[in-house]
Amino acid sequence: MRKQLDLSAYLVLDPCLCAGLGMVETARAAVAGGVGVVQLRHKQAGTAEMIAIGRALQAVLAGTGAALVVNDDVAAAKALGADGLHIGQGDMAVKKARSVIGPEMVLGLSVENVAHARAVDPKVVDYVGVSPVFGTPTKSDHAPPVGIDGLRRIVEICPIPAVGIGGLGPQHADDVIGAGAAGLAVVSAICGQPDPEAAARALVSAVKEARG
């Protein structure tokens, strides 16, 4: 049975922004602050390195209830027995990814526009990341920002839960949750912050307040 992810506060790790503290310690602090999902995204790492980092992350996430999602690297996700795999529009086809990871692993997909949202098959994909809501330097090749209005239109059409990502922080919780998203996925709002645990708490608190 697939793990039910708490998408309200979703951390995407960035190896450069996390360089000072490290991705594993950043994740430990963020989860202590209430983050429910940690995504391992490291575009420069090979599968062996992804597996090694993933195992270290699993060790600090054990017993917390937080989920580990692996970005793009299907082989690493499978080897780790990760809670989830997240792929983009330019990565492996979703049906192929599902066939490789099997029925038990959560599958997330990045969507950038209404057409992508309409094409989502809820029997194959479990959640989407709508990106980018705003422009962000953490991903230089991103599609044009959709803004809050674009996020709302995509969420309305998408048949599964969605998280917003791209330039987001606690100050955007009201707008993002108000647009119908299940949560906020963040990078720089936690990675590289002086106190990642406090940053995570601020995000979690803002989402709770936005939900009333």
N, C-alpha and C. Protein backbone atom coordinates (compact mmCIF):
# COMPACT_ATOMS: atom_id res chain seq x y z
N MET A 1 0.85 -1.19 0.00
CA MET A 1 0.00 0.00 0.00
C MET A 1 0.89 1.25 0.00
N ARG A 2 0.57 2.21 -0.86
CA ARG A 2 1.38 3.42 -0.95
C ARG A 2 1.26 4.26 0.31
N LYS A 3 2.39 4.85 0.70
CA LYS A 3 2.40 5.74 1.85
C LYS A 3 1.59 6.99 1.52
N GLN A 4 0.79 7.44 2.46
CA GLN A 4 0.07 8.69 2.28
C GLN A 4 1.00 9.85 2.64
N LEU A 5 1.32 10.68 1.66
CA LEU A 5 2.25 11.77 1.91
C LEU A 5 1.52 12.98 2.47
N ASP A 6 2.16 13.62 3.45
CA ASP A 6 1.69 14.91 3.94
C ASP A 6 2.37 15.98 3.08
N LEU A 7 1.64 16.50 2.10
CA LEU A 7 2.21 17.41 1.11
C LEU A 7 2.22 18.87 1.57
N SER A 8 1.72 19.17 2.77
CA SER A 8 1.56 20.57 3.15
C SER A 8 2.87 21.35 3.18
N ALA A 9 3.93 20.74 3.67
CA ALA A 9 5.25 21.39 3.69
C ALA A 9 6.26 20.39 3.14
N TYR A 10 6.75 20.66 1.95
CA TYR A 10 7.51 19.69 1.15
C TYR A 10 8.86 20.32 0.84
N LEU A 11 9.93 19.70 1.33
CA LEU A 11 11.28 20.22 1.12
C LEU A 11 11.95 19.54 -0.06
N VAL A 12 12.46 20.35 -0.99
CA VAL A 12 13.29 19.85 -2.09
C VAL A 12 14.73 20.24 -1.78
N LEU A 13 15.58 19.26 -1.57
CA LEU A 13 16.97 19.53 -1.22
C LEU A 13 17.77 20.02 -2.41
N ASP A 14 18.65 20.97 -2.15
CA ASP A 14 19.54 21.50 -3.18
C ASP A 14 20.97 21.39 -2.64
N PRO A 15 21.84 20.62 -3.32
CA PRO A 15 23.18 20.39 -2.77
C PRO A 15 24.01 21.66 -2.63
N CYS A 16 23.81 22.63 -3.50
CA CYS A 16 24.58 23.88 -3.42
C CYS A 16 24.12 24.74 -2.24
N LEU A 17 22.80 24.95 -2.15
CA LEU A 17 22.28 25.77 -1.05
C LEU A 17 22.52 25.11 0.31
N CYS A 18 22.56 23.78 0.32
CA CYS A 18 22.75 23.05 1.58
C CYS A 18 24.22 22.82 1.91
N ALA A 19 25.13 23.39 1.11
CA ALA A 19 26.55 23.08 1.24
C ALA A 19 27.09 23.31 2.65
N GLY A 20 26.64 24.38 3.30
CA GLY A 20 27.16 24.69 4.63
C GLY A 20 26.84 23.62 5.66
N LEU A 21 25.59 23.25 5.75
CA LEU A 21 25.13 22.28 6.74
C LEU A 21 25.12 20.85 6.19
N GLY A 22 24.93 20.73 4.90
CA GLY A 22 24.80 19.42 4.28
C GLY A 22 23.34 19.04 4.10
N MET A 23 23.04 18.24 3.09
CA MET A 23 21.66 17.88 2.80
C MET A 23 21.04 17.03 3.90
N VAL A 24 21.82 16.13 4.47
CA VAL A 24 21.28 15.22 5.49
C VAL A 24 20.90 16.00 6.76
N GLU A 25 21.79 16.88 7.22
CA GLU A 25 21.50 17.65 8.43
C GLU A 25 20.39 18.67 8.18
N THR A 26 20.35 19.22 6.96
CA THR A 26 19.26 20.14 6.62
C THR A 26 17.92 19.40 6.70
N ALA A 27 17.91 18.18 6.15
CA ALA A 27 16.68 17.38 6.19
C ALA A 27 16.28 17.04 7.61
N ARG A 28 17.27 16.66 8.42
CA ARG A 28 16.97 16.33 9.83
C ARG A 28 16.31 17.53 10.54
N ALA A 29 16.88 18.71 10.35
CA ALA A 29 16.35 19.91 10.99
C ALA A 29 14.97 20.25 10.45
N ALA A 30 14.79 20.15 9.14
CA ALA A 30 13.50 20.50 8.52
C ALA A 30 12.38 19.58 9.00
N VAL A 31 12.69 18.31 9.12
CA VAL A 31 11.68 17.36 9.59
C VAL A 31 11.36 17.61 11.07
N ALA A 32 12.37 17.98 11.85
CA ALA A 32 12.12 18.36 13.24
C ALA A 32 11.20 19.57 13.30
N GLY A 33 11.26 20.41 12.27
CA GLY A 33 10.40 21.58 12.19
C GLY A 33 9.03 21.31 11.59
N GLY A 34 8.77 20.06 11.19
CA GLY A 34 7.44 19.68 10.74
C GLY A 34 7.26 19.36 9.27
N VAL A 35 8.34 19.40 8.50
CA VAL A 35 8.23 19.06 7.07
C VAL A 35 7.82 17.59 6.92
N GLY A 36 6.89 17.33 6.00
CA GLY A 36 6.37 15.97 5.84
C GLY A 36 6.99 15.17 4.72
N VAL A 37 7.59 15.86 3.75
CA VAL A 37 8.22 15.18 2.61
C VAL A 37 9.58 15.82 2.36
N VAL A 38 10.58 14.97 2.13
CA VAL A 38 11.91 15.42 1.74
C VAL A 38 12.24 14.81 0.38
N GLN A 39 12.49 15.68 -0.59
CA GLN A 39 12.86 15.18 -1.92
C GLN A 39 14.37 15.34 -2.12
N LEU A 40 15.00 14.26 -2.49
CA LEU A 40 16.42 14.27 -2.83
C LEU A 40 16.57 14.62 -4.30
N ARG A 41 17.00 15.86 -4.56
CA ARG A 41 17.25 16.30 -5.93
C ARG A 41 18.71 16.70 -6.03
N HIS A 42 19.44 15.99 -6.88
CA HIS A 42 20.88 16.26 -7.07
C HIS A 42 21.22 15.87 -8.50
N LYS A 43 21.09 16.83 -9.40
CA LYS A 43 21.22 16.56 -10.83
C LYS A 43 22.63 16.14 -11.23
N GLN A 44 23.64 16.48 -10.41
CA GLN A 44 25.02 16.14 -10.77
C GLN A 44 25.46 14.79 -10.22
N ALA A 45 24.64 14.17 -9.40
CA ALA A 45 25.03 12.91 -8.76
C ALA A 45 24.64 11.72 -9.63
N GLY A 46 25.50 10.72 -9.66
CA GLY A 46 25.17 9.46 -10.31
C GLY A 46 24.32 8.60 -9.39
N THR A 47 23.87 7.47 -9.90
CA THR A 47 22.97 6.62 -9.12
C THR A 47 23.61 6.13 -7.83
N ALA A 48 24.89 5.73 -7.86
CA ALA A 48 25.55 5.23 -6.65
C ALA A 48 25.58 6.30 -5.57
N GLU A 49 25.88 7.55 -5.97
CA GLU A 49 25.91 8.64 -4.98
C GLU A 49 24.51 8.93 -4.47
N MET A 50 23.52 8.88 -5.36
CA MET A 50 22.13 9.11 -4.94
C MET A 50 21.70 8.07 -3.91
N ILE A 51 22.10 6.84 -4.13
CA ILE A 51 21.75 5.77 -3.19
C ILE A 51 22.42 6.02 -1.84
N ALA A 52 23.70 6.41 -1.87
CA ALA A 52 24.43 6.66 -0.61
C ALA A 52 23.79 7.81 0.17
N ILE A 53 23.47 8.90 -0.52
CA ILE A 53 22.82 10.03 0.17
C ILE A 53 21.44 9.62 0.65
N GLY A 54 20.73 8.87 -0.20
CA GLY A 54 19.39 8.41 0.16
C GLY A 54 19.38 7.55 1.41
N ARG A 55 20.38 6.70 1.56
CA ARG A 55 20.46 5.85 2.76
C ARG A 55 20.70 6.70 4.01
N ALA A 56 21.55 7.70 3.88
CA ALA A 56 21.81 8.60 5.01
C ALA A 56 20.54 9.38 5.37
N LEU A 57 19.78 9.78 4.36
CA LEU A 57 18.52 10.48 4.61
C LEU A 57 17.51 9.55 5.28
N GLN A 58 17.43 8.32 4.80
CA GLN A 58 16.51 7.36 5.41
C GLN A 58 16.83 7.15 6.89
N ALA A 59 18.11 7.16 7.22
CA ALA A 59 18.51 6.96 8.62
C ALA A 59 18.01 8.09 9.51
N VAL A 60 18.08 9.35 9.01
CA VAL A 60 17.63 10.47 9.86
C VAL A 60 16.11 10.64 9.81
N LEU A 61 15.46 10.11 8.77
CA LEU A 61 14.00 10.22 8.68
C LEU A 61 13.29 9.08 9.41
N ALA A 62 14.02 8.02 9.73
CA ALA A 62 13.41 6.84 10.35
C ALA A 62 12.67 7.22 11.63
N GLY A 63 11.41 6.78 11.69
CA GLY A 63 10.61 7.01 12.89
C GLY A 63 9.96 8.37 12.97
N THR A 64 10.20 9.24 11.99
CA THR A 64 9.63 10.59 12.03
C THR A 64 8.28 10.67 11.33
N GLY A 65 8.01 9.70 10.45
CA GLY A 65 6.78 9.76 9.65
C GLY A 65 6.96 10.53 8.36
N ALA A 66 8.09 11.24 8.22
CA ALA A 66 8.35 11.99 6.98
C ALA A 66 8.76 11.02 5.86
N ALA A 67 8.41 11.40 4.64
CA ALA A 67 8.65 10.54 3.49
C ALA A 67 9.87 11.00 2.71
N LEU A 68 10.59 10.04 2.12
CA LEU A 68 11.70 10.34 1.22
C LEU A 68 11.26 10.10 -0.22
N VAL A 69 11.39 11.14 -1.04
CA VAL A 69 11.09 11.06 -2.47
C VAL A 69 12.38 11.31 -3.23
N VAL A 70 12.65 10.50 -4.23
CA VAL A 70 13.85 10.64 -5.05
C VAL A 70 13.47 11.31 -6.37
N ASN A 71 14.22 12.33 -6.74
CA ASN A 71 13.96 13.04 -7.99
C ASN A 71 14.65 12.35 -9.15
N ASP A 72 13.86 11.98 -10.15
CA ASP A 72 14.36 11.57 -11.47
C ASP A 72 15.04 10.20 -11.54
N ASP A 73 15.86 9.84 -10.56
CA ASP A 73 16.68 8.63 -10.66
C ASP A 73 15.85 7.41 -10.24
N VAL A 74 15.28 6.76 -11.24
CA VAL A 74 14.38 5.63 -10.98
C VAL A 74 15.14 4.48 -10.33
N ALA A 75 16.36 4.22 -10.81
CA ALA A 75 17.15 3.11 -10.27
C ALA A 75 17.47 3.34 -8.80
N ALA A 76 17.82 4.58 -8.44
CA ALA A 76 18.12 4.88 -7.04
C ALA A 76 16.88 4.75 -6.18
N ALA A 77 15.74 5.26 -6.67
CA ALA A 77 14.49 5.15 -5.91
C ALA A 77 14.14 3.69 -5.64
N LYS A 78 14.32 2.87 -6.65
CA LYS A 78 13.99 1.44 -6.51
C LYS A 78 14.96 0.75 -5.56
N ALA A 79 16.26 1.04 -5.70
CA ALA A 79 17.26 0.42 -4.84
C ALA A 79 17.05 0.79 -3.37
N LEU A 80 16.65 2.03 -3.14
CA LEU A 80 16.42 2.51 -1.78
C LEU A 80 15.09 2.03 -1.19
N GLY A 81 14.17 1.62 -2.07
CA GLY A 81 12.81 1.36 -1.59
C GLY A 81 12.23 2.65 -1.04
N ALA A 82 12.50 3.76 -1.75
CA ALA A 82 12.05 5.08 -1.30
C ALA A 82 10.53 5.12 -1.23
N ASP A 83 10.01 6.10 -0.50
CA ASP A 83 8.56 6.26 -0.42
C ASP A 83 7.99 6.75 -1.75
N GLY A 84 8.82 7.49 -2.50
CA GLY A 84 8.30 8.04 -3.75
C GLY A 84 9.39 8.35 -4.76
N LEU A 85 8.95 8.54 -5.99
CA LEU A 85 9.78 9.00 -7.10
C LEU A 85 9.09 10.21 -7.69
N HIS A 86 9.86 11.24 -8.02
CA HIS A 86 9.30 12.42 -8.68
C HIS A 86 10.01 12.62 -10.01
N ILE A 87 9.23 12.76 -11.08
CA ILE A 87 9.82 12.95 -12.40
C ILE A 87 9.25 14.22 -13.05
N GLY A 88 10.01 14.74 -14.01
CA GLY A 88 9.59 15.91 -14.74
C GLY A 88 9.05 15.55 -16.10
N GLN A 89 8.60 16.56 -16.83
CA GLN A 89 8.03 16.33 -18.16
C GLN A 89 9.06 15.78 -19.14
N GLY A 90 10.32 16.10 -18.93
CA GLY A 90 11.36 15.63 -19.85
C GLY A 90 12.04 14.35 -19.42
N ASP A 91 11.58 13.78 -18.32
CA ASP A 91 12.17 12.54 -17.82
C ASP A 91 11.43 11.33 -18.40
N MET A 92 11.57 10.20 -17.76
CA MET A 92 10.91 8.97 -18.21
C MET A 92 9.39 9.14 -18.27
N ALA A 93 8.76 8.53 -19.27
CA ALA A 93 7.30 8.57 -19.38
C ALA A 93 6.67 8.00 -18.11
N VAL A 94 5.54 8.57 -17.70
CA VAL A 94 4.96 8.20 -16.41
C VAL A 94 4.57 6.72 -16.35
N LYS A 95 4.01 6.20 -17.43
CA LYS A 95 3.60 4.78 -17.40
C LYS A 95 4.81 3.86 -17.29
N LYS A 96 5.91 4.24 -17.96
CA LYS A 96 7.14 3.47 -17.86
C LYS A 96 7.68 3.54 -16.43
N ALA A 97 7.68 4.75 -15.86
CA ALA A 97 8.16 4.91 -14.49
C ALA A 97 7.34 4.06 -13.53
N ARG A 98 6.02 4.08 -13.69
CA ARG A 98 5.16 3.28 -12.81
C ARG A 98 5.46 1.80 -12.97
N SER A 99 5.70 1.36 -14.19
CA SER A 99 5.98 -0.07 -14.42
C SER A 99 7.29 -0.48 -13.76
N VAL A 100 8.25 0.44 -13.69
CA VAL A 100 9.56 0.13 -13.09
C VAL A 100 9.46 0.13 -11.56
N ILE A 101 8.80 1.14 -10.99
CA ILE A 101 8.77 1.25 -9.52
C ILE A 101 7.71 0.38 -8.88
N GLY A 102 6.75 -0.10 -9.68
CA GLY A 102 5.71 -0.96 -9.15
C GLY A 102 4.56 -0.17 -8.54
N PRO A 103 3.55 -0.88 -8.03
CA PRO A 103 2.33 -0.21 -7.57
C PRO A 103 2.42 0.43 -6.19
N GLU A 104 3.47 0.11 -5.41
CA GLU A 104 3.50 0.54 -4.01
C GLU A 104 4.15 1.91 -3.79
N MET A 105 4.99 2.35 -4.73
CA MET A 105 5.71 3.59 -4.55
C MET A 105 4.91 4.78 -5.06
N VAL A 106 4.91 5.87 -4.31
CA VAL A 106 4.25 7.09 -4.73
C VAL A 106 4.98 7.67 -5.95
N LEU A 107 4.21 8.17 -6.91
CA LEU A 107 4.79 8.78 -8.10
C LEU A 107 4.29 10.22 -8.22
N GLY A 108 5.25 11.15 -8.24
CA GLY A 108 4.93 12.55 -8.44
C GLY A 108 5.40 13.02 -9.80
N LEU A 109 4.72 14.02 -10.34
CA LEU A 109 5.03 14.52 -11.68
C LEU A 109 5.00 16.04 -11.69
N SER A 110 5.99 16.66 -12.31
CA SER A 110 5.98 18.11 -12.49
C SER A 110 5.06 18.48 -13.65
N VAL A 111 4.22 19.48 -13.44
CA VAL A 111 3.39 20.00 -14.52
C VAL A 111 3.60 21.51 -14.60
N GLU A 112 3.59 22.02 -15.81
CA GLU A 112 3.93 23.44 -16.03
C GLU A 112 2.79 24.25 -16.61
N ASN A 113 1.72 23.58 -17.03
CA ASN A 113 0.62 24.30 -17.67
C ASN A 113 -0.66 23.47 -17.61
N VAL A 114 -1.74 24.04 -18.11
CA VAL A 114 -3.05 23.39 -18.08
C VAL A 114 -3.04 22.11 -18.92
N ALA A 115 -2.35 22.13 -20.04
CA ALA A 115 -2.31 20.93 -20.90
C ALA A 115 -1.68 19.76 -20.17
N HIS A 116 -0.59 20.01 -19.45
CA HIS A 116 0.04 18.95 -18.66
C HIS A 116 -0.93 18.42 -17.61
N ALA A 117 -1.66 19.33 -16.97
CA ALA A 117 -2.60 18.92 -15.91
C ALA A 117 -3.71 18.05 -16.48
N ARG A 118 -4.21 18.42 -17.65
CA ARG A 118 -5.28 17.64 -18.28
C ARG A 118 -4.82 16.23 -18.64
N ALA A 119 -3.53 16.09 -18.93
CA ALA A 119 -3.00 14.80 -19.38
C ALA A 119 -2.69 13.84 -18.23
N VAL A 120 -2.81 14.31 -16.99
CA VAL A 120 -2.46 13.48 -15.83
C VAL A 120 -3.44 12.32 -15.69
N ASP A 121 -2.89 11.13 -15.53
CA ASP A 121 -3.70 9.93 -15.31
C ASP A 121 -3.67 9.60 -13.82
N PRO A 122 -4.79 9.78 -13.12
CA PRO A 122 -4.80 9.54 -11.68
C PRO A 122 -4.59 8.09 -11.28
N LYS A 123 -4.67 7.19 -12.25
CA LYS A 123 -4.39 5.78 -11.95
C LYS A 123 -2.89 5.50 -11.93
N VAL A 124 -2.11 6.44 -12.46
CA VAL A 124 -0.66 6.25 -12.57
C VAL A 124 0.10 7.19 -11.65
N VAL A 125 -0.32 8.45 -11.59
CA VAL A 125 0.38 9.49 -10.83
C VAL A 125 -0.41 9.83 -9.56
N ASP A 126 0.32 10.08 -8.46
CA ASP A 126 -0.33 10.33 -7.16
C ASP A 126 -0.46 11.80 -6.81
N TYR A 127 0.50 12.61 -7.22
CA TYR A 127 0.43 14.05 -6.96
C TYR A 127 1.23 14.77 -8.03
N VAL A 128 1.00 16.07 -8.17
CA VAL A 128 1.79 16.86 -9.10
C VAL A 128 2.44 18.03 -8.37
N GLY A 129 3.56 18.47 -8.92
CA GLY A 129 4.19 19.70 -8.49
C GLY A 129 4.00 20.72 -9.60
N VAL A 130 3.29 21.79 -9.31
CA VAL A 130 3.03 22.83 -10.31
C VAL A 130 4.19 23.82 -10.26
N SER A 131 4.93 23.90 -11.38
CA SER A 131 6.13 24.71 -11.34
C SER A 131 6.39 25.44 -12.66
N PRO A 132 7.05 26.61 -12.53
CA PRO A 132 7.24 27.34 -11.29
C PRO A 132 6.09 28.32 -11.06
N VAL A 133 5.74 28.50 -9.80
CA VAL A 133 4.74 29.52 -9.50
C VAL A 133 5.36 30.90 -9.74
N PHE A 134 6.57 31.10 -9.20
CA PHE A 134 7.34 32.31 -9.45
C PHE A 134 8.72 31.92 -9.98
N GLY A 135 9.41 32.86 -10.58
CA GLY A 135 10.76 32.59 -11.05
C GLY A 135 11.68 32.28 -9.88
N THR A 136 12.64 31.39 -10.11
CA THR A 136 13.55 30.99 -9.04
C THR A 136 14.94 30.70 -9.59
N PRO A 137 15.98 31.16 -8.91
CA PRO A 137 17.34 30.87 -9.36
C PRO A 137 17.79 29.45 -9.06
N THR A 138 17.00 28.68 -8.28
CA THR A 138 17.43 27.32 -7.95
C THR A 138 17.22 26.36 -9.10
N LYS A 139 16.53 26.81 -10.15
CA LYS A 139 16.35 25.96 -11.33
C LYS A 139 16.35 26.88 -12.56
N SER A 140 17.50 26.95 -13.23
CA SER A 140 17.69 27.95 -14.28
C SER A 140 16.91 27.65 -15.56
N ASP A 141 16.55 26.39 -15.77
CA ASP A 141 15.89 26.02 -17.03
C ASP A 141 14.38 25.87 -16.89
N HIS A 142 13.80 26.56 -15.90
CA HIS A 142 12.38 26.36 -15.65
C HIS A 142 11.51 27.04 -16.72
N ALA A 143 10.27 26.57 -16.80
CA ALA A 143 9.28 27.13 -17.73
C ALA A 143 8.86 28.52 -17.23
N PRO A 144 8.10 29.26 -18.04
CA PRO A 144 7.62 30.57 -17.59
C PRO A 144 6.77 30.43 -16.32
N PRO A 145 6.95 31.33 -15.35
CA PRO A 145 6.17 31.27 -14.11
C PRO A 145 4.67 31.37 -14.39
N VAL A 146 3.89 30.59 -13.65
CA VAL A 146 2.44 30.57 -13.86
C VAL A 146 1.72 31.57 -12.96
N GLY A 147 2.38 31.98 -11.86
CA GLY A 147 1.72 32.89 -10.92
C GLY A 147 0.61 32.19 -10.14
N ILE A 148 0.00 32.91 -9.23
CA ILE A 148 -1.06 32.33 -8.40
C ILE A 148 -2.30 32.02 -9.24
N ASP A 149 -2.63 32.89 -10.18
CA ASP A 149 -3.80 32.63 -11.03
C ASP A 149 -3.60 31.38 -11.88
N GLY A 150 -2.40 31.22 -12.42
CA GLY A 150 -2.10 30.02 -13.20
C GLY A 150 -2.13 28.77 -12.35
N LEU A 151 -1.60 28.89 -11.13
CA LEU A 151 -1.65 27.76 -10.19
C LEU A 151 -3.10 27.35 -9.95
N ARG A 152 -3.97 28.32 -9.72
CA ARG A 152 -5.38 28.04 -9.46
C ARG A 152 -6.02 27.30 -10.64
N ARG A 153 -5.76 27.76 -11.85
CA ARG A 153 -6.34 27.10 -13.03
C ARG A 153 -5.85 25.67 -13.18
N ILE A 154 -4.57 25.46 -12.93
CA ILE A 154 -4.01 24.10 -13.05
C ILE A 154 -4.59 23.19 -11.98
N VAL A 155 -4.68 23.69 -10.75
CA VAL A 155 -5.22 22.88 -9.64
C VAL A 155 -6.68 22.50 -9.92
N GLU A 156 -7.45 23.43 -10.47
CA GLU A 156 -8.86 23.16 -10.77
C GLU A 156 -9.02 22.02 -11.77
N ILE A 157 -8.11 21.93 -12.71
CA ILE A 157 -8.20 20.93 -13.78
C ILE A 157 -7.58 19.59 -13.37
N CYS A 158 -6.54 19.66 -12.55
CA CYS A 158 -5.79 18.45 -12.21
C CYS A 158 -6.62 17.52 -11.33
N PRO A 159 -6.66 16.22 -11.65
CA PRO A 159 -7.51 15.28 -10.92
C PRO A 159 -6.90 14.75 -9.62
N ILE A 160 -5.67 15.17 -9.31
CA ILE A 160 -4.99 14.67 -8.10
C ILE A 160 -4.42 15.85 -7.32
N PRO A 161 -3.98 15.63 -6.07
CA PRO A 161 -3.44 16.74 -5.27
C PRO A 161 -2.24 17.39 -5.94
N ALA A 162 -2.09 18.69 -5.70
CA ALA A 162 -1.00 19.46 -6.29
C ALA A 162 -0.29 20.27 -5.22
N VAL A 163 1.01 20.41 -5.39
CA VAL A 163 1.77 21.34 -4.57
C VAL A 163 2.35 22.41 -5.49
N GLY A 164 2.41 23.62 -5.00
CA GLY A 164 3.07 24.69 -5.75
C GLY A 164 4.55 24.69 -5.43
N ILE A 165 5.38 25.01 -6.42
CA ILE A 165 6.82 25.12 -6.20
C ILE A 165 7.37 26.22 -7.10
N GLY A 166 8.40 26.88 -6.60
CA GLY A 166 9.05 27.92 -7.40
C GLY A 166 8.97 29.27 -6.73
N GLY A 167 10.03 29.66 -6.05
CA GLY A 167 10.08 30.98 -5.42
C GLY A 167 9.15 31.16 -4.25
N LEU A 168 8.76 30.05 -3.61
CA LEU A 168 7.74 30.13 -2.55
C LEU A 168 8.37 30.12 -1.15
N GLY A 169 7.66 30.77 -0.23
CA GLY A 169 8.02 30.77 1.17
C GLY A 169 6.77 30.90 2.01
N PRO A 170 6.92 31.00 3.34
CA PRO A 170 5.75 31.10 4.22
C PRO A 170 4.80 32.24 3.85
N GLN A 171 5.36 33.31 3.32
CA GLN A 171 4.54 34.49 2.98
C GLN A 171 3.56 34.22 1.85
N HIS A 172 3.74 33.11 1.14
CA HIS A 172 2.86 32.78 0.02
C HIS A 172 1.80 31.74 0.40
N ALA A 173 1.81 31.27 1.65
CA ALA A 173 0.92 30.17 2.04
C ALA A 173 -0.55 30.51 1.80
N ASP A 174 -0.98 31.71 2.18
CA ASP A 174 -2.38 32.08 2.01
C ASP A 174 -2.81 31.97 0.55
N ASP A 175 -1.98 32.51 -0.34
CA ASP A 175 -2.33 32.51 -1.77
C ASP A 175 -2.30 31.10 -2.35
N VAL A 176 -1.27 30.32 -2.01
CA VAL A 176 -1.11 28.98 -2.59
C VAL A 176 -2.20 28.04 -2.09
N ILE A 177 -2.46 28.04 -0.79
CA ILE A 177 -3.52 27.19 -0.24
C ILE A 177 -4.88 27.70 -0.72
N GLY A 178 -5.02 29.02 -0.80
CA GLY A 178 -6.26 29.60 -1.31
C GLY A 178 -6.54 29.24 -2.76
N ALA A 179 -5.49 28.94 -3.51
CA ALA A 179 -5.64 28.53 -4.90
C ALA A 179 -6.02 27.05 -5.02
N GLY A 180 -6.09 26.36 -3.89
CA GLY A 180 -6.52 24.97 -3.91
C GLY A 180 -5.41 23.95 -3.82
N ALA A 181 -4.17 24.41 -3.70
CA ALA A 181 -3.05 23.47 -3.61
C ALA A 181 -3.05 22.75 -2.27
N ALA A 182 -2.47 21.55 -2.26
CA ALA A 182 -2.38 20.75 -1.03
C ALA A 182 -1.25 21.23 -0.13
N GLY A 183 -0.31 21.99 -0.72
CA GLY A 183 0.81 22.45 0.08
C GLY A 183 1.81 23.23 -0.74
N LEU A 184 2.92 23.58 -0.08
CA LEU A 184 4.00 24.32 -0.71
C LEU A 184 5.25 23.46 -0.72
N ALA A 185 5.90 23.38 -1.85
CA ALA A 185 7.21 22.76 -1.96
C ALA A 185 8.23 23.89 -2.04
N VAL A 186 9.26 23.81 -1.21
CA VAL A 186 10.23 24.90 -1.13
C VAL A 186 11.66 24.38 -1.22
N VAL A 187 12.53 25.26 -1.66
CA VAL A 187 13.97 24.95 -1.70
C VAL A 187 14.68 25.97 -0.81
N SER A 188 14.85 27.19 -1.32
CA SER A 188 15.65 28.19 -0.61
C SER A 188 14.98 28.72 0.65
N ALA A 189 13.68 28.49 0.82
CA ALA A 189 13.02 28.92 2.06
C ALA A 189 13.52 28.11 3.26
N ILE A 190 14.16 26.95 3.00
CA ILE A 190 14.73 26.13 4.08
C ILE A 190 16.21 25.86 3.83
N CYS A 191 16.57 25.41 2.64
CA CYS A 191 17.97 25.09 2.33
C CYS A 191 18.82 26.37 2.40
N GLY A 192 19.90 26.31 3.16
CA GLY A 192 20.79 27.46 3.27
C GLY A 192 20.37 28.49 4.28
N GLN A 193 19.23 28.30 4.92
CA GLN A 193 18.80 29.23 5.96
C GLN A 193 19.64 29.03 7.23
N PRO A 194 19.86 30.09 8.01
CA PRO A 194 20.68 29.96 9.22
C PRO A 194 20.14 28.91 10.20
N ASP A 195 18.81 28.78 10.25
CA ASP A 195 18.17 27.81 11.15
C ASP A 195 17.08 27.09 10.36
N PRO A 196 17.42 25.98 9.68
CA PRO A 196 16.44 25.28 8.85
C PRO A 196 15.23 24.77 9.63
N GLU A 197 15.44 24.41 10.90
CA GLU A 197 14.30 23.93 11.70
C GLU A 197 13.30 25.06 11.93
N ALA A 198 13.80 26.24 12.28
CA ALA A 198 12.92 27.39 12.49
C ALA A 198 12.24 27.79 11.18
N ALA A 199 12.98 27.71 10.07
CA ALA A 199 12.41 28.03 8.76
C ALA A 199 11.28 27.07 8.41
N ALA A 200 11.50 25.79 8.73
CA ALA A 200 10.46 24.78 8.48
C ALA A 200 9.23 25.03 9.35
N ARG A 201 9.47 25.37 10.61
CA ARG A 201 8.35 25.65 11.51
C ARG A 201 7.52 26.83 11.01
N ALA A 202 8.20 27.84 10.50
CA ALA A 202 7.50 29.01 9.97
C ALA A 202 6.63 28.63 8.78
N LEU A 203 7.14 27.74 7.92
CA LEU A 203 6.37 27.29 6.76
C LEU A 203 5.16 26.47 7.19
N VAL A 204 5.38 25.52 8.08
CA VAL A 204 4.30 24.66 8.56
C VAL A 204 3.22 25.51 9.25
N SER A 205 3.63 26.46 10.06
CA SER A 205 2.68 27.32 10.76
C SER A 205 1.87 28.15 9.78
N ALA A 206 2.54 28.67 8.75
CA ALA A 206 1.84 29.50 7.76
C ALA A 206 0.80 28.69 7.00
N VAL A 207 1.13 27.45 6.68
CA VAL A 207 0.17 26.59 5.97
C VAL A 207 -1.03 26.28 6.86
N LYS A 208 -0.78 26.00 8.13
CA LYS A 208 -1.89 25.73 9.06
C LYS A 208 -2.80 26.93 9.19
N GLU A 209 -2.21 28.11 9.29
CA GLU A 209 -3.00 29.33 9.40
C GLU A 209 -3.81 29.57 8.12
N ALA A 210 -3.21 29.27 6.97
CA ALA A 210 -3.89 29.47 5.70
C ALA A 210 -5.10 28.56 5.56
N ARG A 211 -5.03 27.41 6.19
CA ARG A 211 -6.15 26.47 6.15
C ARG A 211 -7.22 26.82 7.17
N GLY A 212 -6.92 27.75 8.05
CA GLY A 212 -7.91 28.18 9.05
C GLY A 212 -8.06 27.18 10.16
